[in-house]
Amino acid sequence: MSDVTFSVSERTFKAVFNKIYPSVQLPFDGSNTVAGVVWYGVEGAIHIEGAGDIEFEDGNTFLLKELDIGWDKLILRLGIDIPTLTIGGFCLVRAPRDIPFIGGECILPFPRITLFTAAPDIGPLKLNLNAIIGYVVTEISGRFSIGIRKDGDFQKIHADPQAVDVDPISINDTFGKLPTIVQAGVAAASAQMLAVVPAAWMIDVILSFLGAPTMTAYLLDLLDIHDDMEEWLMDVLNVSIGVDNLLYQAIFASMLERQELFKIDDPYPFVPEIKLDTADFGGFPAPPPAPKFNLPEVAASILNPSVRFEADTMIVQFDFGA
């Protein structure tokens, strides 16, 4: 039988967890090229909020359900990623093979040039979506293991994630500013594309060839931005870029680095160090001893620490060393 047993209720554990894990901003960044030329990127920052439900499982794991994510930043980047093109790299003039020393060698090479190496090549245009982060809904759930380990002068109890699930990003139906934000951003992208085209007459040729009446209409079609802006944005974030995976990585890394939920002094103190006055004891022959002295702390090391869940209670047990 263990020397010491502590118990923590599920309700208390939840209160401590929701106090420890809400975090500072967790930044994330990702991009992807879709259909060969359309480039989407996103940069953002979130923080983990409380109010998640916690359910103990028998053993050393617990379930975290529907923990809310708070959004601090959401910026969508749009661009055109032209496939990389390499030209040159061949020989214009080669020495005849019968010439001593340089026979067959290239005398005048044509330089190798690589074009369209950026990602994206046109853009990116940034759409600041911070105006809608109040309408973005995301939750996380996961299974965590509980463990206790020695760290310095403490035995620390940590919750380590085994698996974290991020629900796909969704936008409330009540949001109405998105079309204006996207249209303004696409108009700016049109101006940016016009600036990189060398001659104005080429614009009319390109657009007439594509059957698009304006550069803005061309970009709307190229980026597949349809009338339902909300559906388009959620498709870009969830499918084209995979924001859920980006959030998963940011949250998983943050939780692994978080501080302990509980800690126990090791050595465990029974009696603290006490400062005493010699005169309080009296009866000392002359000369009297020093007027002050200390009684050292009485403590014992912790052996065989363990933590587990039983029903609605977390049980912590350990023995004392000599």
Protein backbone atom coordinates (compact mmCIF):
# COMPACT_ATOMS: atom_id res chain seq x y z
CA MET A 1 0.00 0.00 0.00
CA SER A 2 1.32 3.45 -0.89
CA ASP A 3 2.28 5.89 1.84
CA VAL A 4 0.34 8.79 0.30
CA THR A 5 -2.79 8.96 -1.88
CA PHE A 6 -4.23 12.14 -3.37
CA SER A 7 -7.47 12.38 -5.31
CA VAL A 8 -8.65 15.09 -7.70
CA SER A 9 -12.23 15.25 -8.94
CA GLU A 10 -13.11 15.48 -12.62
CA ARG A 11 -14.61 18.93 -12.04
CA THR A 12 -11.46 20.25 -10.36
CA PHE A 13 -9.27 18.70 -13.05
CA LYS A 14 -11.30 20.43 -15.78
CA ALA A 15 -10.98 23.80 -14.02
CA VAL A 16 -7.20 23.40 -13.76
CA PHE A 17 -6.87 22.20 -17.38
CA ASN A 18 -8.86 25.15 -18.74
CA LYS A 19 -6.73 27.52 -16.69
CA ILE A 20 -3.40 26.07 -17.85
CA TYR A 21 -3.96 25.41 -21.54
CA PRO A 22 -5.50 28.61 -22.93
CA SER A 23 -2.46 29.94 -24.72
CA VAL A 24 -0.84 32.93 -26.25
CA GLN A 25 -1.12 33.27 -30.01
CA LEU A 26 -0.26 30.15 -31.99
CA PRO A 27 0.83 31.31 -35.48
CA PHE A 28 0.50 29.10 -38.55
CA ASP A 29 1.29 29.49 -42.25
CA GLY A 30 0.64 27.34 -45.28
CA SER A 31 0.09 27.39 -49.04
CA ASN A 32 -0.80 25.17 -51.97
CA THR A 33 -1.04 25.34 -55.76
CA VAL A 34 -4.36 24.15 -57.17
CA ALA A 35 -4.98 23.02 -60.77
CA GLY A 36 -1.42 23.84 -61.73
CA VAL A 37 -1.62 27.65 -61.71
CA VAL A 38 -3.90 28.89 -58.93
CA TRP A 39 -1.95 29.51 -55.72
CA TYR A 40 -3.60 29.89 -52.31
CA GLY A 41 -1.89 30.74 -49.09
CA VAL A 42 -3.04 31.53 -45.58
CA GLU A 43 -1.42 33.01 -42.53
CA GLY A 44 -3.11 33.26 -39.19
CA ALA A 45 -2.93 32.96 -35.45
CA ILE A 46 -5.22 31.30 -32.93
CA HIS A 47 -5.41 30.70 -29.21
CA ILE A 48 -6.95 27.81 -27.34
CA GLU A 49 -9.94 28.78 -25.24
CA GLY A 50 -11.55 26.97 -22.32
CA ALA A 51 -15.01 25.49 -21.86
CA GLY A 52 -14.13 22.08 -23.21
CA ASP A 53 -15.72 19.04 -21.59
CA ILE A 54 -13.39 16.47 -20.03
CA GLU A 55 -14.24 12.81 -19.50
CA PHE A 56 -11.95 10.48 -17.54
CA GLU A 57 -11.29 7.00 -18.90
CA ASP A 58 -10.17 4.11 -16.72
CA GLY A 59 -6.39 3.92 -16.82
CA ASN A 60 -4.25 6.90 -17.73
CA THR A 61 -6.20 8.65 -20.51
CA PHE A 62 -8.97 11.21 -20.71
CA LEU A 63 -11.08 12.67 -23.51
CA LEU A 64 -11.25 16.38 -24.26
CA LYS A 65 -14.41 17.36 -26.12
CA GLU A 66 -15.26 20.53 -28.05
CA LEU A 67 -12.60 22.89 -26.81
CA ASP A 68 -13.13 26.21 -28.59
CA ILE A 69 -10.48 27.89 -30.73
CA GLY A 70 -10.29 31.69 -30.69
CA TRP A 71 -9.06 33.41 -33.85
CA ASP A 72 -6.63 36.34 -33.62
CA LYS A 73 -5.55 36.69 -37.27
CA LEU A 74 -6.72 35.35 -40.64
CA ILE A 75 -5.18 36.51 -43.92
CA LEU A 76 -5.81 34.76 -47.24
CA ARG A 77 -3.19 35.07 -49.99
CA LEU A 78 -4.09 34.66 -53.67
CA GLY A 79 -1.73 34.34 -56.61
CA ILE A 80 -0.88 32.76 -59.94
CA ASP A 81 1.87 30.12 -59.90
CA ILE A 82 3.20 29.73 -63.45
CA PRO A 83 5.00 26.39 -63.98
CA THR A 84 8.79 26.74 -63.90
CA LEU A 85 10.31 27.06 -67.35
CA THR A 86 13.97 26.46 -68.20
CA ILE A 87 15.45 27.65 -71.49
CA GLY A 88 18.99 27.61 -72.84
CA GLY A 89 21.77 25.48 -71.50
CA PHE A 90 22.79 24.22 -74.93
CA CYS A 91 25.87 24.81 -77.06
CA LEU A 92 25.84 27.35 -79.90
CA VAL A 93 29.36 26.68 -81.21
CA ARG A 94 31.30 23.47 -80.62
CA ALA A 95 34.96 22.88 -81.62
CA PRO A 96 35.55 20.21 -84.28
CA ARG A 97 36.59 16.89 -82.81
CA ASP A 98 39.86 16.79 -84.78
CA ILE A 99 41.24 19.94 -83.08
CA PRO A 100 43.84 19.02 -80.45
CA PHE A 101 43.03 19.60 -76.77
CA ILE A 102 39.61 21.26 -77.31
CA GLY A 103 38.12 18.89 -79.83
CA GLY A 104 34.41 18.43 -79.16
CA GLU A 105 34.37 21.10 -76.43
CA CYS A 106 31.70 23.83 -76.38
CA ILE A 107 33.22 27.16 -77.33
CA LEU A 108 30.08 29.33 -77.11
CA PRO A 109 27.37 28.02 -74.77
CA PHE A 110 23.90 29.53 -74.60
CA PRO A 111 23.24 30.41 -70.95
CA ARG A 112 20.65 28.42 -69.03
CA ILE A 113 17.81 30.61 -67.79
CA THR A 114 15.11 29.48 -65.38
CA LEU A 115 11.88 31.46 -65.39
CA PHE A 116 8.91 31.56 -63.03
CA THR A 117 10.70 30.18 -59.98
CA ALA A 118 8.72 32.12 -57.40
CA ALA A 119 5.71 30.75 -55.57
CA PRO A 120 3.53 32.44 -56.63
CA ASP A 121 4.89 34.22 -59.72
CA ILE A 122 2.10 36.81 -59.76
CA GLY A 123 1.09 38.07 -56.35
CA PRO A 124 0.45 37.17 -53.68
CA LEU A 125 -2.44 39.47 -53.02
CA LYS A 126 -3.39 39.51 -49.35
CA LEU A 127 -7.04 39.54 -48.31
CA ASN A 128 -7.24 40.66 -44.71
CA LEU A 129 -10.08 38.59 -43.26
CA ASN A 130 -9.66 39.78 -39.68
CA ALA A 131 -13.07 41.41 -39.98
CA ILE A 132 -14.70 37.97 -40.10
CA ILE A 133 -12.78 36.13 -37.37
CA GLY A 134 -15.67 36.73 -34.99
CA TYR A 135 -17.80 34.63 -37.33
CA VAL A 136 -15.33 31.76 -37.69
CA VAL A 137 -16.18 28.65 -35.68
CA THR A 138 -13.61 25.95 -34.94
CA GLU A 139 -13.39 23.34 -32.18
CA ILE A 140 -10.89 20.71 -31.16
CA SER A 141 -11.22 17.38 -29.42
CA GLY A 142 -8.64 14.81 -28.45
CA ARG A 143 -7.40 11.99 -26.27
CA PHE A 144 -4.67 12.75 -23.72
CA SER A 145 -2.53 10.56 -21.54
CA ILE A 146 -1.70 11.58 -18.00
CA GLY A 147 1.74 10.99 -16.56
CA ILE A 148 3.98 11.97 -13.66
CA ARG A 149 7.73 12.49 -13.95
CA LYS A 150 10.60 13.96 -11.97
CA ASP A 151 11.70 17.47 -13.00
CA GLY A 152 14.16 19.27 -10.75
CA ASP A 153 12.78 19.46 -7.20
CA PHE A 154 9.27 18.43 -8.25
CA GLN A 155 7.20 15.50 -9.44
CA LYS A 156 5.14 17.03 -12.26
CA ILE A 157 1.85 15.76 -13.67
CA HIS A 158 1.48 16.44 -17.40
CA ALA A 159 -1.30 15.87 -19.91
CA ASP A 160 0.26 14.78 -23.22
CA PRO A 161 -1.83 14.65 -26.41
CA GLN A 162 -2.10 11.27 -28.11
CA ALA A 163 -4.47 12.40 -30.85
CA VAL A 164 -6.05 15.78 -31.59
CA ASP A 165 -8.97 16.32 -33.96
CA VAL A 166 -9.65 19.78 -35.43
CA ASP A 167 -13.12 20.34 -36.80
CA PRO A 168 -13.08 21.99 -40.25
CA ILE A 169 -13.34 25.74 -40.23
CA SER A 170 -16.87 27.07 -40.74
CA ILE A 171 -18.30 30.55 -41.08
CA ASN A 172 -21.61 31.62 -39.55
CA ASP A 173 -24.40 32.21 -42.07
CA THR A 174 -25.06 35.65 -40.61
CA PHE A 175 -21.80 37.03 -42.01
CA GLY A 176 -22.35 39.58 -44.80
CA LYS A 177 -19.05 41.44 -45.31
CA LEU A 178 -17.18 38.72 -47.15
CA PRO A 179 -18.28 39.52 -50.75
CA THR A 180 -17.14 43.14 -50.41
CA ILE A 181 -13.77 42.10 -48.95
CA VAL A 182 -13.12 39.56 -51.71
CA GLN A 183 -14.26 41.82 -54.55
CA ALA A 184 -12.02 44.64 -53.34
CA GLY A 185 -9.08 42.26 -53.09
CA VAL A 186 -9.61 40.89 -56.58
CA ALA A 187 -9.80 44.42 -57.97
CA ALA A 188 -6.42 45.14 -56.38
CA ALA A 189 -5.05 41.92 -57.90
CA SER A 190 -6.27 43.04 -61.33
CA ALA A 191 -4.32 46.27 -60.98
CA GLN A 192 -1.27 44.27 -59.91
CA MET A 193 -1.47 42.00 -62.95
CA LEU A 194 -1.88 44.97 -65.30
CA ALA A 195 1.29 46.47 -63.84
CA VAL A 196 3.40 43.44 -64.79
CA VAL A 197 2.13 43.13 -68.39
CA PRO A 198 4.61 44.92 -70.69
CA ALA A 199 2.13 46.48 -73.14
CA ALA A 200 -1.44 47.60 -72.62
CA TRP A 201 -2.61 46.23 -75.96
CA MET A 202 -1.80 42.72 -74.76
CA ILE A 203 -4.55 42.97 -72.16
CA ASP A 204 -7.28 43.21 -74.79
CA VAL A 205 -5.76 40.37 -76.78
CA ILE A 206 -5.53 38.06 -73.77
CA LEU A 207 -9.00 38.85 -72.48
CA SER A 208 -10.66 38.54 -75.89
CA PHE A 209 -8.92 35.20 -76.38
CA LEU A 210 -10.17 33.97 -72.99
CA GLY A 211 -13.62 35.47 -73.47
CA ALA A 212 -13.41 37.45 -70.24
CA PRO A 213 -14.79 41.02 -70.35
CA THR A 214 -12.47 42.46 -67.67
CA MET A 215 -9.35 41.54 -65.80
CA THR A 216 -11.38 41.33 -62.58
CA ALA A 217 -13.80 38.89 -64.20
CA TYR A 218 -10.86 36.86 -65.48
CA LEU A 219 -9.36 36.55 -61.99
CA LEU A 220 -12.71 35.68 -60.45
CA ASP A 221 -13.04 32.86 -62.96
CA LEU A 222 -9.41 31.74 -62.64
CA LEU A 223 -9.60 31.60 -58.85
CA ASP A 224 -13.01 29.90 -59.11
CA ILE A 225 -14.60 32.52 -56.87
CA HIS A 226 -18.34 31.99 -57.30
CA ASP A 227 -21.35 33.86 -56.01
CA ASP A 228 -21.44 32.00 -52.70
CA MET A 229 -18.36 33.62 -51.17
CA GLU A 230 -18.81 31.82 -47.87
CA GLU A 231 -18.80 28.38 -49.50
CA TRP A 232 -15.83 29.32 -51.69
CA LEU A 233 -13.75 30.55 -48.74
CA MET A 234 -14.47 27.47 -46.62
CA ASP A 235 -13.53 25.26 -49.59
CA VAL A 236 -10.24 27.13 -50.04
CA LEU A 237 -9.36 27.04 -46.33
CA ASN A 238 -10.47 23.47 -45.62
CA VAL A 239 -9.63 21.70 -48.89
CA SER A 240 -7.21 23.72 -51.01
CA ILE A 241 -4.93 24.76 -48.15
CA GLY A 242 -5.83 22.30 -45.39
CA VAL A 243 -6.13 24.72 -42.49
CA ASP A 244 -7.27 21.91 -40.20
CA ASN A 245 -3.87 20.20 -40.57
CA LEU A 246 -2.05 23.48 -39.97
CA LEU A 247 -4.07 24.05 -36.80
CA TYR A 248 -3.48 20.46 -35.72
CA GLN A 249 0.28 20.94 -35.97
CA ALA A 250 0.23 24.28 -34.12
CA ILE A 251 -2.04 23.00 -31.33
CA PHE A 252 -0.21 19.68 -30.93
CA ALA A 253 3.17 21.43 -30.62
CA SER A 254 1.77 23.96 -28.15
CA MET A 255 0.20 21.35 -25.91
CA LEU A 256 3.38 19.29 -25.83
CA GLU A 257 5.30 22.33 -24.62
CA ARG A 258 2.81 23.49 -22.00
CA GLN A 259 3.54 23.51 -18.31
CA GLU A 260 2.44 20.87 -15.86
CA LEU A 261 -1.09 20.64 -14.49
CA PHE A 262 0.01 19.79 -10.94
CA LYS A 263 3.34 19.50 -9.17
CA ILE A 264 4.49 17.95 -5.88
CA ASP A 265 7.66 18.89 -3.98
CA ASP A 266 10.33 16.20 -4.15
CA PRO A 267 11.79 15.81 -1.53
CA TYR A 268 8.39 16.16 0.14
CA PRO A 269 8.57 18.49 3.17
CA PHE A 270 7.08 17.33 6.47
CA VAL A 271 8.38 20.13 8.70
CA PRO A 272 9.77 23.38 7.27
CA GLU A 273 13.03 24.89 8.44
CA ILE A 274 12.46 26.77 11.72
CA LYS A 275 14.50 29.62 13.27
CA LEU A 276 14.53 29.49 17.10
CA ASP A 277 15.72 31.74 19.94
CA THR A 278 18.02 29.96 22.43
CA ALA A 279 16.68 32.04 25.34
CA ASP A 280 13.26 30.48 24.90
CA PHE A 281 14.63 27.16 26.16
CA GLY A 282 16.59 28.53 29.19
CA GLY A 283 18.72 26.62 31.76
CA PHE A 284 21.96 26.90 29.82
CA PRO A 285 25.22 27.25 31.87
CA ALA A 286 27.51 30.19 31.17
CA PRO A 287 28.65 31.05 28.65
CA PRO A 288 25.26 30.74 26.84
CA PRO A 289 25.19 29.24 23.32
CA ALA A 290 24.49 31.32 20.25
CA PRO A 291 21.30 33.35 20.68
CA LYS A 292 19.75 31.98 17.45
CA PHE A 293 19.79 28.56 15.77
CA ASN A 294 17.93 26.72 12.98
CA LEU A 295 16.13 23.41 13.00
CA PRO A 296 16.62 22.00 9.49
CA GLU A 297 13.75 21.02 7.25
CA VAL A 298 12.48 17.48 7.60
CA ALA A 299 11.72 15.98 4.18
CA ALA A 300 11.69 12.65 2.39
CA SER A 301 12.20 11.75 -1.25
CA ILE A 302 9.28 10.46 -3.30
CA LEU A 303 9.43 6.88 -4.56
CA ASN A 304 7.22 4.99 -7.01
CA PRO A 305 4.94 7.89 -8.03
CA SER A 306 1.92 7.01 -10.15
CA VAL A 307 -1.20 8.68 -11.51
CA ARG A 308 -4.34 7.14 -12.98
CA PHE A 309 -8.05 7.68 -13.44
CA GLU A 310 -10.79 5.76 -11.68
CA ALA A 311 -14.39 6.68 -12.51
CA ASP A 312 -14.63 10.47 -11.95
CA THR A 313 -11.42 10.80 -9.93
CA MET A 314 -7.72 11.19 -10.66
CA ILE A 315 -5.64 9.17 -8.16
CA VAL A 316 -2.05 10.14 -7.34
CA GLN A 317 0.01 7.76 -5.17
CA PHE A 318 3.61 7.56 -4.01
CA ASP A 319 5.86 6.23 -1.23
CA PHE A 320 8.38 8.02 0.95
CA GLY A 321 12.08 7.18 0.90
CA ALA A 322 14.16 6.90 4.04
